[in-house]
Protein backbone atom coordinates (compact mmCIF):
# COMPACT_ATOMS: atom_id res chain seq x y z
CA MET A 1 106.50 2.29 97.04
CA SER A 2 103.90 4.95 97.89
CA ASP A 3 101.43 6.34 95.34
CA ARG A 4 103.20 9.68 95.49
CA THR A 5 106.58 8.09 94.73
CA THR A 6 105.05 6.21 91.79
CA ARG A 7 103.64 9.43 90.36
CA ASP A 8 107.01 11.15 90.72
CA VAL A 9 108.75 8.33 88.84
CA ASN A 10 106.22 8.47 86.01
CA ARG A 11 106.51 12.25 85.74
CA THR A 12 110.27 12.14 85.18
CA GLN A 13 110.23 9.08 82.93
CA PRO A 14 109.80 9.84 79.17
CA GLN A 15 106.48 8.63 77.78
CA GLY A 16 108.23 6.43 75.25
CA ASP A 17 109.97 4.49 78.05
CA ARG A 18 106.80 3.74 80.01
CA PRO A 19 104.67 0.62 79.49
CA PRO A 20 101.65 1.38 77.24
CA GLU A 21 99.09 1.22 80.04
CA ASP A 22 100.96 3.98 81.94
CA ARG A 23 101.33 6.38 79.00
CA PRO A 24 98.59 9.06 79.14
CA VAL A 25 98.32 9.22 75.35
CA PHE A 26 97.24 5.57 75.29
CA ALA A 27 94.24 5.68 77.63
CA GLU A 28 91.68 6.90 75.09
CA HIS A 29 93.22 4.80 72.29
CA ILE A 30 92.97 1.60 74.34
CA LYS A 31 89.32 2.37 75.12
CA TYR A 32 88.65 2.79 71.38
CA MET A 33 90.52 -0.40 70.43
CA ARG A 34 88.53 -2.49 72.91
CA LYS A 35 85.42 -1.64 70.90
CA GLN A 36 87.15 -2.54 67.62
CA HIS A 37 88.94 -5.78 68.51
CA HIS A 38 86.24 -8.03 67.00
CA LYS A 39 86.47 -6.38 63.57
CA PRO A 40 88.68 -8.22 61.03
CA THR A 41 91.60 -6.46 59.35
CA PRO A 42 90.71 -5.53 55.73
CA LYS A 43 92.64 -7.54 53.15
CA GLU A 44 93.43 -4.50 51.01
CA TRP A 45 94.73 -1.04 51.83
CA GLY A 46 92.17 1.73 51.45
CA PHE A 47 93.43 5.17 52.42
CA TRP A 48 89.87 6.42 52.98
CA ARG A 49 89.93 4.35 56.19
CA ALA A 50 92.38 6.87 57.68
CA THR A 51 89.63 9.37 58.48
CA GLY A 52 89.03 9.98 62.17
CA SER A 53 90.53 11.52 65.28
CA TYR A 54 94.02 10.62 66.55
CA VAL A 55 96.04 11.46 69.64
CA ILE A 56 99.70 12.17 68.92
CA GLU A 57 102.89 11.21 70.73
CA CYS A 58 105.80 13.53 69.84
CA GLU A 59 108.87 13.67 72.09
CA ALA A 60 110.15 16.76 70.23
CA VAL A 61 107.20 18.69 71.72
CA THR A 62 106.84 17.10 75.16
CA GLY A 63 110.63 16.99 75.71
CA PRO A 64 112.85 19.85 74.43
CA MET A 65 109.92 22.27 74.07
CA SER A 66 108.28 21.40 77.38
CA ASP A 67 108.67 25.01 78.60
CA TYR A 68 106.09 26.03 75.99
CA TYR A 69 103.96 22.88 76.15
CA ASN A 70 101.01 23.09 78.58
CA GLU A 71 100.36 19.32 78.60
CA GLU A 72 97.31 19.51 76.34
CA LYS A 73 96.66 16.49 74.15
CA LEU A 74 98.37 16.61 70.76
CA THR A 75 95.81 15.71 68.11
CA MET A 76 95.16 15.19 64.40
CA ASP A 77 91.66 15.08 62.92
CA ILE A 78 91.52 13.71 59.36
CA SER A 79 88.49 14.47 57.15
CA GLU A 80 87.54 13.65 53.57
CA THR A 81 87.21 16.69 51.29
CA VAL A 82 86.45 17.34 47.63
CA LYS A 83 87.54 20.51 45.85
CA SER A 84 87.45 21.21 42.09
CA GLY A 85 87.07 17.50 41.39
CA CYS A 86 90.00 16.51 43.64
CA TRP A 87 89.33 14.12 46.52
CA PHE A 88 91.82 14.41 49.39
CA PHE A 89 92.29 14.59 53.16
CA ASP A 90 91.87 17.89 55.01
CA VAL A 91 93.49 17.71 58.47
CA ASP A 92 93.28 19.79 61.63
CA PHE A 93 96.50 19.28 63.63
CA ARG A 94 97.33 20.57 67.11
CA PHE A 95 100.89 19.85 68.18
CA GLY A 96 101.02 22.07 71.25
CA VAL A 97 103.41 24.77 70.05
CA LEU A 98 102.20 24.45 66.45
CA GLU A 99 98.62 24.29 65.15
CA GLY A 100 97.18 24.42 61.67
CA THR A 101 95.97 22.56 58.59
CA MET A 102 97.40 19.73 56.49
CA LEU A 103 96.45 18.66 52.97
CA MET A 104 97.09 14.95 52.33
CA GLU A 105 97.26 12.62 49.34
CA THR A 106 98.65 9.17 48.54
CA THR A 107 101.42 10.33 46.14
CA PRO A 108 103.44 13.55 45.71
CA GLU A 109 101.91 13.96 42.22
CA MET A 110 98.37 13.78 43.57
CA LEU A 111 99.30 16.22 46.32
CA ASP A 112 100.41 18.63 43.56
CA ASN A 113 96.96 18.32 42.00
CA VAL A 114 95.34 19.17 45.33
CA MET A 115 97.48 22.30 45.65
CA LYS A 116 96.48 23.36 42.11
CA ALA A 117 92.81 22.73 42.90
CA HIS A 118 93.02 25.04 45.91
CA ARG A 119 94.52 27.82 43.83
CA ALA A 120 91.91 27.37 41.08
CA ALA A 121 88.92 27.17 43.43
CA ASP A 122 89.96 30.20 45.44
CA GLY A 123 91.13 32.27 42.48
CA GLY A 124 94.60 32.46 43.96
CA GLU A 125 95.33 33.42 47.53
CA PRO A 126 93.22 36.35 48.70
CA GLU A 127 94.83 39.75 48.69
CA GLU A 128 94.16 42.54 51.13
CA GLU A 129 91.85 45.27 49.86
CA GLY A 130 93.69 48.44 49.03
CA ASP A 131 97.03 46.65 48.91
CA GLU A 132 99.27 48.89 46.84
CA ASP A 133 102.28 46.62 46.84
CA GLY A 134 103.33 45.16 43.53
CA ASP A 135 104.90 41.75 43.05
CA ASP A 136 108.46 40.99 44.07
CA ASP A 137 110.08 42.63 41.04
CA GLY A 138 108.06 45.82 41.40
CA TRP A 139 105.77 45.17 38.41
CA GLU A 140 102.18 46.31 38.94
CA GLU A 141 99.21 44.44 37.48
CA ASP A 142 97.67 47.51 35.85
CA GLU A 143 100.93 48.41 34.07
CA ASP A 144 100.92 45.29 31.88
CA PRO A 145 98.36 42.60 32.83
CA GLU A 146 99.85 40.02 30.46
CA ARG A 147 103.36 40.36 31.85
CA TYR A 148 102.00 40.42 35.39
CA GLU A 149 100.30 37.04 34.82
CA MET A 150 103.51 35.63 33.31
CA ILE A 151 105.47 36.68 36.41
CA LYS A 152 102.85 35.16 38.73
CA GLU A 153 102.98 31.89 36.79
CA ARG A 154 106.79 31.84 36.96
CA TYR A 155 106.72 32.25 40.75
CA ARG A 156 104.07 29.53 41.04
CA VAL A 157 106.17 27.07 39.01
CA GLU A 158 109.28 27.88 41.06
CA GLU A 159 107.37 27.24 44.30
CA GLU A 160 106.10 23.87 43.03
CA GLU A 161 109.61 22.85 41.96
CA ARG A 162 111.02 23.70 45.41
CA ARG A 163 108.33 21.64 47.13
CA LYS A 164 108.78 18.69 44.76
CA ALA A 165 112.54 18.74 45.33
CA TYR A 166 111.95 18.65 49.07
CA ILE A 167 109.44 15.78 48.93
CA ASP A 168 111.78 13.84 46.62
CA GLN A 169 114.04 13.29 49.63
CA PHE A 170 111.49 10.74 50.86
CA ASP A 171 111.34 7.15 49.65
CA HIS A 172 108.25 6.77 47.42
CA ASN A 173 108.58 3.03 46.83
CA PRO A 174 104.98 1.75 47.20
CA GLU A 175 106.21 -1.81 47.73
CA ARG A 176 108.31 -0.81 50.74
CA TYR A 177 105.75 1.68 52.07
CA PRO A 178 102.34 0.49 50.83
CA ARG A 179 100.35 2.60 53.30
CA ARG A 180 102.16 5.94 53.06
CA ILE A 181 100.31 9.27 52.76
CA TYR A 182 102.08 12.57 51.95
CA PHE A 183 101.12 15.98 53.28
CA GLN A 184 101.93 19.67 53.29
CA TRP A 185 100.97 21.90 56.20
CA ARG A 186 100.36 25.51 57.12
CA GLY A 187 100.06 26.64 60.71
CA ARG A 188 100.67 29.04 63.56
CA ASP A 189 103.43 29.28 66.16
CA MET A 190 101.47 29.09 69.42
CA ARG A 191 104.29 30.12 71.75
CA ASP A 192 103.52 33.83 71.48
CA ALA A 193 100.62 35.55 73.22
CA THR A 194 99.42 36.45 69.71
CA PRO A 195 100.02 33.28 67.63
CA LEU A 196 101.45 34.07 64.20
CA ILE A 197 101.32 32.07 60.97
CA GLN A 198 104.60 30.32 60.13
CA PRO A 199 105.24 31.29 56.50
CA ASP A 200 106.38 28.50 54.18
CA TRP A 201 108.44 30.59 51.75
CA ASP A 202 110.30 27.57 50.34
CA ASN A 203 107.41 25.06 50.29
CA ALA A 204 109.34 22.94 52.78
CA HIS A 205 106.53 22.24 55.27
CA VAL A 206 106.02 18.66 54.13
CA GLY A 207 105.98 15.15 55.59
CA TYR A 208 104.34 11.74 55.48
CA LEU A 209 102.43 9.16 57.53
CA ASP A 210 103.01 5.38 57.40
CA PHE A 211 100.04 3.39 58.71
CA GLU A 212 100.75 0.20 60.64
CA ASP A 213 98.09 -1.94 58.94
CA ASN A 214 94.97 -1.75 56.78
CA LYS A 215 92.80 -0.76 59.75
CA CYS A 216 94.63 2.59 59.97
CA ASN A 217 94.45 2.71 63.77
CA ILE A 218 98.14 3.56 64.29
CA PHE A 219 100.66 5.47 62.19
CA GLU A 220 104.22 6.76 62.32
CA GLY A 221 104.99 10.15 60.81
CA LYS A 222 107.96 12.29 59.92
CA ALA A 223 107.93 15.93 58.86
CA GLU A 224 109.61 19.30 58.68
CA LEU A 225 107.73 21.03 61.50
CA GLY A 226 109.08 24.57 61.58
CA VAL A 227 109.59 25.73 65.17
CA ILE A 228 109.44 22.12 66.43
CA GLY A 229 112.32 20.93 64.27
CA SER A 230 113.52 19.15 61.14
CA ASN A 231 112.76 15.49 60.34
CA VAL A 232 110.58 15.30 63.45
CA GLY A 233 109.16 11.86 64.22
CA PHE A 234 105.75 11.31 65.83
CA ARG A 235 103.15 8.56 66.29
CA GLY A 236 99.37 8.68 66.03
CA TYR A 237 96.76 6.50 67.76
CA ARG A 238 93.13 6.57 66.68
CA VAL A 239 90.54 7.45 69.32
CA ASP A 240 87.48 7.98 67.14
CA LYS A 241 86.32 6.87 63.69
CA GLU A 242 84.97 10.38 63.04
CA PRO A 243 87.06 13.59 63.08
CA ARG A 244 86.27 15.81 66.06
CA LYS A 245 87.63 19.09 64.69
CA LYS A 246 87.34 20.82 61.34
CA ALA A 247 90.48 22.19 59.69
CA GLU A 248 90.95 25.94 59.23
CA PRO A 249 90.69 26.98 55.54
CA TRP A 250 94.03 26.54 53.76
CA ASN A 251 94.22 30.05 52.33
CA ASP A 252 93.56 31.59 55.77
CA LEU A 253 97.09 30.41 56.66
CA SER A 254 98.91 31.66 53.55
CA GLU A 255 102.03 33.83 53.32
CA LYS A 256 99.82 36.81 52.42
CA ALA A 257 97.73 36.18 55.54
CA TYR A 258 100.98 36.05 57.55
CA GLU A 259 102.02 39.47 56.20
CA ARG A 260 98.66 40.95 57.22
CA GLU A 261 98.87 39.43 60.70
CA TRP A 262 102.44 40.68 61.12
CA ARG A 263 101.46 44.24 60.14
CA ASP A 264 98.56 44.13 62.60
CA LYS A 265 100.85 42.84 65.36
CA VAL A 266 103.42 45.59 64.74
CA ALA A 267 100.67 48.23 64.71
CA ARG A 268 99.31 47.00 68.05
CA GLU A 269 102.74 47.02 69.67
CA ARG A 270 103.40 50.57 68.48
CA ARG A 271 100.06 51.81 69.81
CA PRO A 272 100.48 53.82 73.05
CA PRO A 273 99.04 52.30 76.23
CA LEU A 274 95.52 53.34 77.21
CA ARG A 275 96.68 55.51 80.13
CA SER A 276 99.61 57.17 78.40
CA SER A 277 100.13 60.85 79.11
CA ILE A 278 99.33 63.57 76.58
CA MET A 279 100.82 67.06 77.04
CA GLY A 280 101.80 66.07 80.56
CA MET A 281 98.24 65.11 81.50
CA GLU A 282 96.96 61.59 82.04
CA ARG A 283 93.91 60.40 80.13
CA PRO A 284 90.79 60.41 82.34
CA TRP A 285 89.81 56.77 81.58
């Protein structure tokens, strides 16, 4: 068989069906593992060992969404972070058609604490200056500050309950899944020329990773991934002990940030083209 025929076969064959040495996602991982083979596997699980850079294999992106996928590497870069006394993982993820930030912890309860720490440290999600909109029931802050705070707290509790109910679908048994880490994500839909934040109105952008062993070099994940799909499976393979990318700040990807980006996008699209005619005369530039 000629080299050209071999390349054609590999191009049409799904990555998951190829032997490991022929799967592009494996090349860098194998190079990394050759340097690590002499190191013994730790006897106990330590989730801090999960930090580093991983290449991702996700058939939901490279298959059904291949029209939007430009064959860039899918990656996750996991970093340690401390905020308001909470220690957690801050993750930059790039899944081709979807890019953004994940917050990770070892239990759903600890993930809740991380979310609360972000709200406390940032004083709530930033609002746009001069924003004259009230909250969802039309109540303005300056009309009755006490009631306004009560309404904000009610919405916050409702959001947490929705997210908890969604995460509760997963199996939290630590004996069955001793190396499981839970996450919530925010990100942008990269299919458009101007990528827009994907709002998480129902706090449903959640998932988990299960690491293969205590070395944390390989994991399997499952998540609700918005435009990519529901209950999407993917695998990660470590290529570096240190993260190569830093995650975008969590509150830069909030629902309020989405609303601002959407207004800006609409305003740009409504703007007349540079050489539009005025009073029957074309602009001179």
